């Protein structure tokens, strides 16, 4: 897929594009992530971009979007106030705003991230402590992809992955959820050829 093919296929009002990845970004790649966010925002008019507000990839991609049009950036956070001073999005949805009891599919797909299934059960049941809060990050990562409550499902995902350990950790969980739900994704092996 080329940049123009992506734009032709996905630049529509209902399109939600994930821009995210690993916290650790190679120094030589940092500017490329911001450039991609800027490039996508400059060359499209209708799509919304979504981030998880984490340090690293999320922040770098988001800087590119916000530099052009902050009204097109949505951030999904694991709890209210998460990294608030770094959040420049026009629209922020916290996991606290989602009725997890009414979102069985969201919870079920989040529980596929073993060994977090027990923590997710505790979190959904209302236990909020140092351990169970880790579940909020996994549920947030699932929510970014499949949506739930007031959050629309993603349409496409751009990722910055650790190519030496692909699809691992929270980023890998989000990528796998996308693939399991037929949400197309690409990583830097493809999109770096666009910039």
C-alpha atoms as a PDB file:
ATOM      1  CA  UNK A   1       0.000   0.000   0.000  1.00  0.00           C
ATOM      2  CA  UNK A   2       1.209   3.507  -0.835  1.00  0.00           C
ATOM      3  CA  UNK A   3       0.365   6.734   0.979  1.00  0.00           C
ATOM      4  CA  UNK A   4      -1.969   7.774  -1.838  1.00  0.00           C
ATOM      5  CA  UNK A   5      -3.747   4.399  -1.790  1.00  0.00           C
ATOM      6  CA  UNK A   6      -4.220   4.762   1.969  1.00  0.00           C
ATOM      7  CA  UNK A   7      -5.656   8.272   1.558  1.00  0.00           C
ATOM      8  CA  UNK A   8      -7.979   7.242  -1.296  1.00  0.00           C
ATOM      9  CA  UNK A   9      -9.322   4.299   0.690  1.00  0.00           C
ATOM     10  CA  UNK A  10      -9.556   5.764   4.199  1.00  0.00           C
ATOM     11  CA  UNK A  11     -10.017   9.553   4.146  1.00  0.00           C
ATOM     12  CA  UNK A  12     -13.663   9.475   5.244  1.00  0.00           C
ATOM     13  CA  UNK A  13     -15.589  11.004   8.162  1.00  0.00           C
ATOM     14  CA  UNK A  14     -16.025   7.711  10.020  1.00  0.00           C
ATOM     15  CA  UNK A  15     -12.381   6.624   9.747  1.00  0.00           C
ATOM     16  CA  UNK A  16     -10.431   6.337  13.012  1.00  0.00           C
ATOM     17  CA  UNK A  17      -6.696   5.729  12.595  1.00  0.00           C
ATOM     18  CA  UNK A  18      -4.510   4.436  15.419  1.00  0.00           C
ATOM     19  CA  UNK A  19      -1.065   6.046  15.717  1.00  0.00           C
ATOM     20  CA  UNK A  20       0.920   4.260  18.395  1.00  0.00           C
ATOM     21  CA  UNK A  21       3.683   1.934  19.384  1.00  0.00           C
ATOM     22  CA  UNK A  22       6.544   1.289  21.725  1.00  0.00           C
ATOM     23  CA  UNK A  23       7.719   3.680  24.409  1.00  0.00           C
ATOM     24  CA  UNK A  24      11.348   3.083  23.410  1.00  0.00           C
ATOM     25  CA  UNK A  25      11.969   4.696  20.039  1.00  0.00           C
ATOM     26  CA  UNK A  26      15.354   4.583  18.342  1.00  0.00           C
ATOM     27  CA  UNK A  27      16.919   8.044  18.291  1.00  0.00           C
ATOM     28  CA  UNK A  28      17.251   7.816  14.492  1.00  0.00           C
ATOM     29  CA  UNK A  29      13.497   7.121  14.177  1.00  0.00           C
ATOM     30  CA  UNK A  30      12.052   9.752  16.526  1.00  0.00           C
ATOM     31  CA  UNK A  31      11.570  12.512  13.943  1.00  0.00           C
ATOM     32  CA  UNK A  32      10.090  10.011  11.465  1.00  0.00           C
ATOM     33  CA  UNK A  33       7.152   9.323  13.793  1.00  0.00           C
ATOM     34  CA  UNK A  34       6.346  13.028  14.096  1.00  0.00           C
ATOM     35  CA  UNK A  35       6.764  13.378  10.333  1.00  0.00           C
ATOM     36  CA  UNK A  36       4.256  10.580   9.711  1.00  0.00           C
ATOM     37  CA  UNK A  37       1.673  12.219  12.002  1.00  0.00           C
ATOM     38  CA  UNK A  38       2.161  15.522  10.201  1.00  0.00           C
ATOM     39  CA  UNK A  39       2.133  13.917   6.721  1.00  0.00           C
ATOM     40  CA  UNK A  40      -1.110  12.046   7.363  1.00  0.00           C
ATOM     41  CA  UNK A  41      -2.821  15.110   8.814  1.00  0.00           C
ATOM     42  CA  UNK A  42      -1.676  17.423   6.004  1.00  0.00           C
ATOM     43  CA  UNK A  43      -2.785  15.041   3.269  1.00  0.00           C
ATOM     44  CA  UNK A  44      -6.178  14.028   4.653  1.00  0.00           C
ATOM     45  CA  UNK A  45      -9.217  16.056   5.621  1.00  0.00           C
ATOM     46  CA  UNK A  46     -11.757  13.830   7.355  1.00  0.00           C
ATOM     47  CA  UNK A  47     -10.178  11.031   9.379  1.00  0.00           C
ATOM     48  CA  UNK A  48      -9.637  11.121  13.140  1.00  0.00           C
ATOM     49  CA  UNK A  49      -6.352   9.990  14.680  1.00  0.00           C
ATOM     50  CA  UNK A  50      -6.279   8.082  17.968  1.00  0.00           C
ATOM     51  CA  UNK A  51      -3.505   7.671  20.538  1.00  0.00           C
ATOM     52  CA  UNK A  52      -3.074   6.118  23.959  1.00  0.00           C
ATOM     53  CA  UNK A  53      -1.146   9.117  25.347  1.00  0.00           C
ATOM     54  CA  UNK A  54       1.909   7.051  26.313  1.00  0.00           C
ATOM     55  CA  UNK A  55       5.450   8.364  26.200  1.00  0.00           C
ATOM     56  CA  UNK A  56       7.507   7.474  23.144  1.00  0.00           C
ATOM     57  CA  UNK A  57       5.676   6.574  19.937  1.00  0.00           C
ATOM     58  CA  UNK A  58       2.263   7.876  20.988  1.00  0.00           C
ATOM     59  CA  UNK A  59       3.689  11.256  21.951  1.00  0.00           C
ATOM     60  CA  UNK A  60       5.807  11.570  18.803  1.00  0.00           C
ATOM     61  CA  UNK A  61       2.999  10.622  16.404  1.00  0.00           C
ATOM     62  CA  UNK A  62       0.618  12.969  18.242  1.00  0.00           C
ATOM     63  CA  UNK A  63       3.000  15.919  17.958  1.00  0.00           C
ATOM     64  CA  UNK A  64       2.779  15.605  14.186  1.00  0.00           C
ATOM     65  CA  UNK A  65      -1.027  15.615  14.213  1.00  0.00           C
ATOM     66  CA  UNK A  66      -1.352  18.441  16.764  1.00  0.00           C
ATOM     67  CA  UNK A  67       1.103  20.593  14.803  1.00  0.00           C
ATOM     68  CA  UNK A  68      -1.366  20.618  11.916  1.00  0.00           C
ATOM     69  CA  UNK A  69      -4.849  20.099  13.403  1.00  0.00           C
ATOM     70  CA  UNK A  70      -5.350  19.238  17.103  1.00  0.00           C
ATOM     71  CA  UNK A  71      -9.103  18.871  16.555  1.00  0.00           C
ATOM     72  CA  UNK A  72      -8.454  15.594  14.736  1.00  0.00           C
ATOM     73  CA  UNK A  73      -6.624  13.889  17.614  1.00  0.00           C
ATOM     74  CA  UNK A  74      -8.461  11.684  20.093  1.00  0.00           C
ATOM     75  CA  UNK A  75      -6.692  10.215  23.110  1.00  0.00           C
ATOM     76  CA  UNK A  76      -7.917   7.194  25.069  1.00  0.00           C
ATOM     77  CA  UNK A  77      -6.470   7.117  28.597  1.00  0.00           C
ATOM     78  CA  UNK A  78      -6.453   4.313  31.183  1.00  0.00           C
ATOM     79  CA  UNK A  79      -7.750   6.703  33.865  1.00  0.00           C
ATOM     80  CA  UNK A  80      -8.749  10.340  34.245  1.00  0.00           C
ATOM     81  CA  UNK A  81      -5.762  12.687  34.310  1.00  0.00           C
ATOM     82  CA  UNK A  82      -3.285  10.206  32.782  1.00  0.00           C
ATOM     83  CA  UNK A  83      -0.223  12.196  31.614  1.00  0.00           C
ATOM     84  CA  UNK A  84      -2.494  15.234  31.388  1.00  0.00           C
ATOM     85  CA  UNK A  85       0.242  17.796  30.796  1.00  0.00           C
ATOM     86  CA  UNK A  86       1.391  15.867  27.696  1.00  0.00           C
ATOM     87  CA  UNK A  87      -2.118  15.460  26.294  1.00  0.00           C
ATOM     88  CA  UNK A  88      -2.766  17.967  23.509  1.00  0.00           C
ATOM     89  CA  UNK A  89      -5.774  16.168  22.030  1.00  0.00           C
ATOM     90  CA  UNK A  90      -9.023  17.918  21.282  1.00  0.00           C
ATOM     91  CA  UNK A  91     -10.985  14.863  22.464  1.00  0.00           C
ATOM     92  CA  UNK A  92      -9.967  12.713  25.432  1.00  0.00           C
ATOM     93  CA  UNK A  93     -11.873   9.672  26.657  1.00  0.00           C
ATOM     94  CA  UNK A  94     -10.840   8.011  29.889  1.00  0.00           C
ATOM     95  CA  UNK A  95     -11.511   4.368  30.645  1.00  0.00           C
ATOM     96  CA  UNK A  96     -13.306   5.810  33.698  1.00  0.00           C
ATOM     97  CA  UNK A  97     -15.932   7.129  31.230  1.00  0.00           C
ATOM     98  CA  UNK A  98     -16.750   3.621  29.951  1.00  0.00           C
ATOM     99  CA  UNK A  99     -19.266   1.375  31.712  1.00  0.00           C
ATOM    100  CA  UNK A 100     -17.243  -1.839  31.669  1.00  0.00           C
ATOM    101  CA  UNK A 101     -20.174  -3.864  33.023  1.00  0.00           C
ATOM    102  CA  UNK A 102     -22.033  -3.029  29.803  1.00  0.00           C
ATOM    103  CA  UNK A 103     -19.053  -3.819  27.542  1.00  0.00           C
ATOM    104  CA  UNK A 104     -18.666  -7.599  27.743  1.00  0.00           C
ATOM    105  CA  UNK A 105     -16.907  -7.869  24.368  1.00  0.00           C
ATOM    106  CA  UNK A 106     -14.331  -5.286  25.423  1.00  0.00           C
ATOM    107  CA  UNK A 107     -13.646  -7.146  28.665  1.00  0.00           C
ATOM    108  CA  UNK A 108     -13.586 -10.564  26.968  1.00  0.00           C
ATOM    109  CA  UNK A 109     -11.079  -9.489  24.319  1.00  0.00           C
ATOM    110  CA  UNK A 110      -8.926  -7.776  26.950  1.00  0.00           C
ATOM    111  CA  UNK A 111      -8.777 -10.997  28.961  1.00  0.00           C
ATOM    112  CA  UNK A 112      -6.980 -12.716  26.102  1.00  0.00           C
ATOM    113  CA  UNK A 113      -3.861 -10.898  27.322  1.00  0.00           C
ATOM    114  CA  UNK A 114      -2.680 -13.603  29.709  1.00  0.00           C
ATOM    115  CA  UNK A 115      -1.593 -13.394  32.560  1.00  0.00           C
ATOM    116  CA  UNK A 116      -3.727 -10.257  33.019  1.00  0.00           C
ATOM    117  CA  UNK A 117      -7.081 -12.072  32.998  1.00  0.00           C
ATOM    118  CA  UNK A 118      -7.337 -12.229  36.815  1.00  0.00           C
ATOM    119  CA  UNK A 119      -6.336  -8.583  37.204  1.00  0.00           C
ATOM    120  CA  UNK A 120      -8.908  -7.602  34.582  1.00  0.00           C
ATOM    121  CA  UNK A 121     -11.620  -9.466  36.503  1.00  0.00           C
ATOM    122  CA  UNK A 122     -10.612  -7.639  39.695  1.00  0.00           C
ATOM    123  CA  UNK A 123     -10.562  -4.264  37.944  1.00  0.00           C
ATOM    124  CA  UNK A 124     -13.954  -4.759  36.294  1.00  0.00           C
ATOM    125  CA  UNK A 125     -15.385  -5.866  39.667  1.00  0.00           C
ATOM    126  CA  UNK A 126     -14.296  -2.520  41.114  1.00  0.00           C
ATOM    127  CA  UNK A 127     -10.997  -3.330  42.807  1.00  0.00           C
ATOM    128  CA  UNK A 128      -8.640  -0.423  42.194  1.00  0.00           C
ATOM    129  CA  UNK A 129      -5.183  -0.924  43.678  1.00  0.00           C
ATOM    130  CA  UNK A 130      -1.548  -0.874  42.595  1.00  0.00           C
ATOM    131  CA  UNK A 131      -1.822  -4.286  40.930  1.00  0.00           C
ATOM    132  CA  UNK A 132      -5.271  -4.136  39.352  1.00  0.00           C
ATOM    133  CA  UNK A 133      -4.603  -0.722  37.768  1.00  0.00           C
ATOM    134  CA  UNK A 134      -2.319  -2.567  35.331  1.00  0.00           C
ATOM    135  CA  UNK A 135      -5.512  -4.051  33.897  1.00  0.00           C
ATOM    136  CA  UNK A 136      -6.715  -0.564  32.971  1.00  0.00           C
ATOM    137  CA  UNK A 137      -3.852  -0.260  30.481  1.00  0.00           C
ATOM    138  CA  UNK A 138      -4.751  -3.554  28.781  1.00  0.00           C
ATOM    139  CA  UNK A 139      -8.455  -2.677  28.621  1.00  0.00           C
ATOM    140  CA  UNK A 140      -7.547   0.780  27.294  1.00  0.00           C
ATOM    141  CA  UNK A 141      -5.399  -0.842  24.578  1.00  0.00           C
ATOM    142  CA  UNK A 142      -8.324  -3.052  23.559  1.00  0.00           C
ATOM    143  CA  UNK A 143     -10.755  -0.116  23.651  1.00  0.00           C
ATOM    144  CA  UNK A 144      -8.555   1.885  21.275  1.00  0.00           C
ATOM    145  CA  UNK A 145      -8.959  -0.864  18.691  1.00  0.00           C
ATOM    146  CA  UNK A 146     -12.485  -2.263  18.999  1.00  0.00           C
ATOM    147  CA  UNK A 147     -14.236   0.678  20.630  1.00  0.00           C
ATOM    148  CA  UNK A 148     -17.002   0.481  23.180  1.00  0.00           C
ATOM    149  CA  UNK A 149     -19.404   2.898  24.812  1.00  0.00           C
ATOM    150  CA  UNK A 150     -18.796   6.327  23.272  1.00  0.00           C
ATOM    151  CA  UNK A 151     -15.594   5.163  21.517  1.00  0.00           C
ATOM    152  CA  UNK A 152     -15.936   4.164  17.866  1.00  0.00           C
ATOM    153  CA  UNK A 153     -13.931   1.178  16.589  1.00  0.00           C
ATOM    154  CA  UNK A 154     -10.660   1.891  14.809  1.00  0.00           C
ATOM    155  CA  UNK A 155     -10.529   1.515  11.046  1.00  0.00           C
ATOM    156  CA  UNK A 156      -6.764   1.244  10.516  1.00  0.00           C
ATOM    157  CA  UNK A 157      -3.600   1.159  12.626  1.00  0.00           C
ATOM    158  CA  UNK A 158      -0.099   2.577  12.175  1.00  0.00           C
ATOM    159  CA  UNK A 159       2.398   1.132  14.638  1.00  0.00           C
ATOM    160  CA  UNK A 160       5.998   1.620  15.637  1.00  0.00           C
ATOM    161  CA  UNK A 161       7.034  -1.816  16.855  1.00  0.00           C
ATOM    162  CA  UNK A 162      10.210  -3.357  18.238  1.00  0.00           C
ATOM    163  CA  UNK A 163      11.196  -5.346  15.154  1.00  0.00           C
ATOM    164  CA  UNK A 164      13.571  -7.542  17.181  1.00  0.00           C
ATOM    165  CA  UNK A 165      10.593  -8.702  19.327  1.00  0.00           C
ATOM    166  CA  UNK A 166       7.555  -8.020  17.144  1.00  0.00           C
ATOM    167  CA  UNK A 167       4.051  -7.813  18.564  1.00  0.00           C
ATOM    168  CA  UNK A 168       5.120  -8.049  22.218  1.00  0.00           C
ATOM    169  CA  UNK A 169       3.802  -6.181  25.259  1.00  0.00           C
ATOM    170  CA  UNK A 170       0.930  -3.706  25.224  1.00  0.00           C
ATOM    171  CA  UNK A 171       1.656  -2.597  21.658  1.00  0.00           C
ATOM    172  CA  UNK A 172       1.615  -6.220  20.539  1.00  0.00           C
ATOM    173  CA  UNK A 173      -1.681  -6.753  22.353  1.00  0.00           C
ATOM    174  CA  UNK A 174      -3.251  -3.831  20.475  1.00  0.00           C
ATOM    175  CA  UNK A 175      -1.857  -5.091  17.169  1.00  0.00           C
ATOM    176  CA  UNK A 176      -3.232  -8.590  17.819  1.00  0.00           C
ATOM    177  CA  UNK A 177      -6.659  -7.219  18.789  1.00  0.00           C
ATOM    178  CA  UNK A 178      -6.698  -5.261  15.532  1.00  0.00           C
ATOM    179  CA  UNK A 179      -5.835  -8.330  13.477  1.00  0.00           C
ATOM    180  CA  UNK A 180      -8.392 -10.499  15.313  1.00  0.00           C
ATOM    181  CA  UNK A 181     -11.042  -7.907  14.469  1.00  0.00           C
ATOM    182  CA  UNK A 182     -10.030  -7.420  10.816  1.00  0.00           C
ATOM    183  CA  UNK A 183      -8.603  -3.946  11.399  1.00  0.00           C
ATOM    184  CA  UNK A 184      -5.703  -3.550   8.953  1.00  0.00           C
ATOM    185  CA  UNK A 185      -2.354  -2.521  10.445  1.00  0.00           C
ATOM    186  CA  UNK A 186       1.101  -1.605   9.200  1.00  0.00           C
ATOM    187  CA  UNK A 187       4.341  -0.984  11.033  1.00  0.00           C
ATOM    188  CA  UNK A 188       7.411   1.063  10.206  1.00  0.00           C
ATOM    189  CA  UNK A 189       8.613  -1.465   7.628  1.00  0.00           C
ATOM    190  CA  UNK A 190       5.865  -0.055   5.387  1.00  0.00           C
ATOM    191  CA  UNK A 191       5.124   3.515   6.494  1.00  0.00           C
ATOM    192  CA  UNK A 192       8.748   4.650   6.728  1.00  0.00           C
ATOM    193  CA  UNK A 193       8.833   4.222   2.963  1.00  0.00           C
ATOM    194  CA  UNK A 194       6.202   6.969   2.716  1.00  0.00           C
ATOM    195  CA  UNK A 195       8.277   9.723   4.318  1.00  0.00           C
END
